[in-house]
């Protein structure tokens, strides 16, 4: 089955929901401890790896290539 790529709006919504979830986990737990840190890092990996893979294969606008070439040393 062919995988669908994420649209920009989908990525923004997923990231916003993840941030809100992290806020509620930290606020509800009364701070950051080892379990909370592990849960946030693990959920971040689960959320951001597919987004990174989707972005990696996306065709970037031409001006990004120009900026990359200017910033190379």
C-alpha atoms as a PDB file:
ATOM      1  CA  UNK A   1       0.000   0.000   0.000  1.00  0.00           C
ATOM      2  CA  UNK A   2       1.312   3.455  -0.905  1.00  0.00           C
ATOM      3  CA  UNK A   3       1.912   5.786   2.026  1.00  0.00           C
ATOM      4  CA  UNK A   4       0.285   9.205   1.954  1.00  0.00           C
ATOM      5  CA  UNK A   5       2.478  12.184   2.647  1.00  0.00           C
ATOM      6  CA  UNK A   6       1.528  14.652   5.338  1.00  0.00           C
ATOM      7  CA  UNK A   7       0.249  18.038   4.260  1.00  0.00           C
ATOM      8  CA  UNK A   8       1.639  21.087   6.039  1.00  0.00           C
ATOM      9  CA  UNK A   9      -1.650  21.656   7.860  1.00  0.00           C
ATOM     10  CA  UNK A  10      -1.639  18.044   9.101  1.00  0.00           C
ATOM     11  CA  UNK A  11       1.907  18.435  10.416  1.00  0.00           C
ATOM     12  CA  UNK A  12       1.038  21.660  12.250  1.00  0.00           C
ATOM     13  CA  UNK A  13      -2.026  20.044  13.845  1.00  0.00           C
ATOM     14  CA  UNK A  14      -0.096  16.947  14.946  1.00  0.00           C
ATOM     15  CA  UNK A  15       2.683  19.040  16.493  1.00  0.00           C
ATOM     16  CA  UNK A  16       0.193  21.353  18.233  1.00  0.00           C
ATOM     17  CA  UNK A  17      -1.698  18.383  19.693  1.00  0.00           C
ATOM     18  CA  UNK A  18       1.567  16.815  20.867  1.00  0.00           C
ATOM     19  CA  UNK A  19       2.620  20.047  22.595  1.00  0.00           C
ATOM     20  CA  UNK A  20      -0.778  20.347  24.304  1.00  0.00           C
ATOM     21  CA  UNK A  21      -0.576  16.717  25.439  1.00  0.00           C
ATOM     22  CA  UNK A  22       2.923  17.292  26.842  1.00  0.00           C
ATOM     23  CA  UNK A  23       1.667  20.360  28.704  1.00  0.00           C
ATOM     24  CA  UNK A  24      -1.165  18.389  30.296  1.00  0.00           C
ATOM     25  CA  UNK A  25       1.157  15.527  31.243  1.00  0.00           C
ATOM     26  CA  UNK A  26       3.648  17.884  32.896  1.00  0.00           C
ATOM     27  CA  UNK A  27       0.957  19.972  34.586  1.00  0.00           C
ATOM     28  CA  UNK A  28      -0.998  16.939  35.821  1.00  0.00           C
ATOM     29  CA  UNK A  29       2.077  15.179  37.121  1.00  0.00           C
ATOM     30  CA  UNK A  30       3.240  18.190  39.120  1.00  0.00           C
ATOM     31  CA  UNK A  31       6.547  18.581  37.288  1.00  0.00           C
ATOM     32  CA  UNK A  32       9.079  16.628  35.326  1.00  0.00           C
ATOM     33  CA  UNK A  33      10.526  13.447  36.753  1.00  0.00           C
ATOM     34  CA  UNK A  34      12.154  10.433  35.106  1.00  0.00           C
ATOM     35  CA  UNK A  35       8.955   8.748  33.983  1.00  0.00           C
ATOM     36  CA  UNK A  36       7.516  11.971  32.585  1.00  0.00           C
ATOM     37  CA  UNK A  37      10.726  12.787  30.717  1.00  0.00           C
ATOM     38  CA  UNK A  38      10.827   9.279  29.249  1.00  0.00           C
ATOM     39  CA  UNK A  39       7.178   9.483  28.179  1.00  0.00           C
ATOM     40  CA  UNK A  40       7.689  12.862  26.496  1.00  0.00           C
ATOM     41  CA  UNK A  41      10.852  11.736  24.692  1.00  0.00           C
ATOM     42  CA  UNK A  42       9.269   8.451  23.566  1.00  0.00           C
ATOM     43  CA  UNK A  43       6.118  10.166  22.339  1.00  0.00           C
ATOM     44  CA  UNK A  44       8.232  12.793  20.594  1.00  0.00           C
ATOM     45  CA  UNK A  45      10.075  10.081  18.696  1.00  0.00           C
ATOM     46  CA  UNK A  46       6.795   8.421  17.743  1.00  0.00           C
ATOM     47  CA  UNK A  47       5.376  11.743  16.528  1.00  0.00           C
ATOM     48  CA  UNK A  48       8.382  13.366  14.854  1.00  0.00           C
ATOM     49  CA  UNK A  49      10.021  10.440  13.000  1.00  0.00           C
ATOM     50  CA  UNK A  50       7.127  10.005  10.521  1.00  0.00           C
ATOM     51  CA  UNK A  51       6.937  13.783  10.083  1.00  0.00           C
ATOM     52  CA  UNK A  52      10.686  13.906   9.393  1.00  0.00           C
ATOM     53  CA  UNK A  53      10.411  11.076   6.871  1.00  0.00           C
ATOM     54  CA  UNK A  54       7.547  12.859   5.149  1.00  0.00           C
ATOM     55  CA  UNK A  55       9.506  16.131   4.972  1.00  0.00           C
ATOM     56  CA  UNK A  56      12.706  14.453   3.823  1.00  0.00           C
ATOM     57  CA  UNK A  57      11.097  13.249   0.587  1.00  0.00           C
ATOM     58  CA  UNK A  58       9.173  16.466  -0.070  1.00  0.00           C
ATOM     59  CA  UNK A  59      10.261  18.723  -2.913  1.00  0.00           C
ATOM     60  CA  UNK A  60      11.507  21.951  -1.393  1.00  0.00           C
ATOM     61  CA  UNK A  61      11.012  25.398  -2.925  1.00  0.00           C
ATOM     62  CA  UNK A  62      13.855  26.681  -5.112  1.00  0.00           C
ATOM     63  CA  UNK A  63      14.852  29.432  -2.693  1.00  0.00           C
ATOM     64  CA  UNK A  64      15.750  26.914   0.005  1.00  0.00           C
ATOM     65  CA  UNK A  65      18.423  25.478  -2.295  1.00  0.00           C
ATOM     66  CA  UNK A  66      19.806  28.983  -2.798  1.00  0.00           C
ATOM     67  CA  UNK A  67      19.951  29.589   0.965  1.00  0.00           C
ATOM     68  CA  UNK A  68      21.623  26.205   1.536  1.00  0.00           C
ATOM     69  CA  UNK A  69      24.270  27.027  -1.062  1.00  0.00           C
ATOM     70  CA  UNK A  70      24.905  30.433   0.511  1.00  0.00           C
ATOM     71  CA  UNK A  71      25.306  28.954   3.986  1.00  0.00           C
ATOM     72  CA  UNK A  72      27.744  26.239   2.950  1.00  0.00           C
ATOM     73  CA  UNK A  73      31.363  26.921   3.841  1.00  0.00           C
END
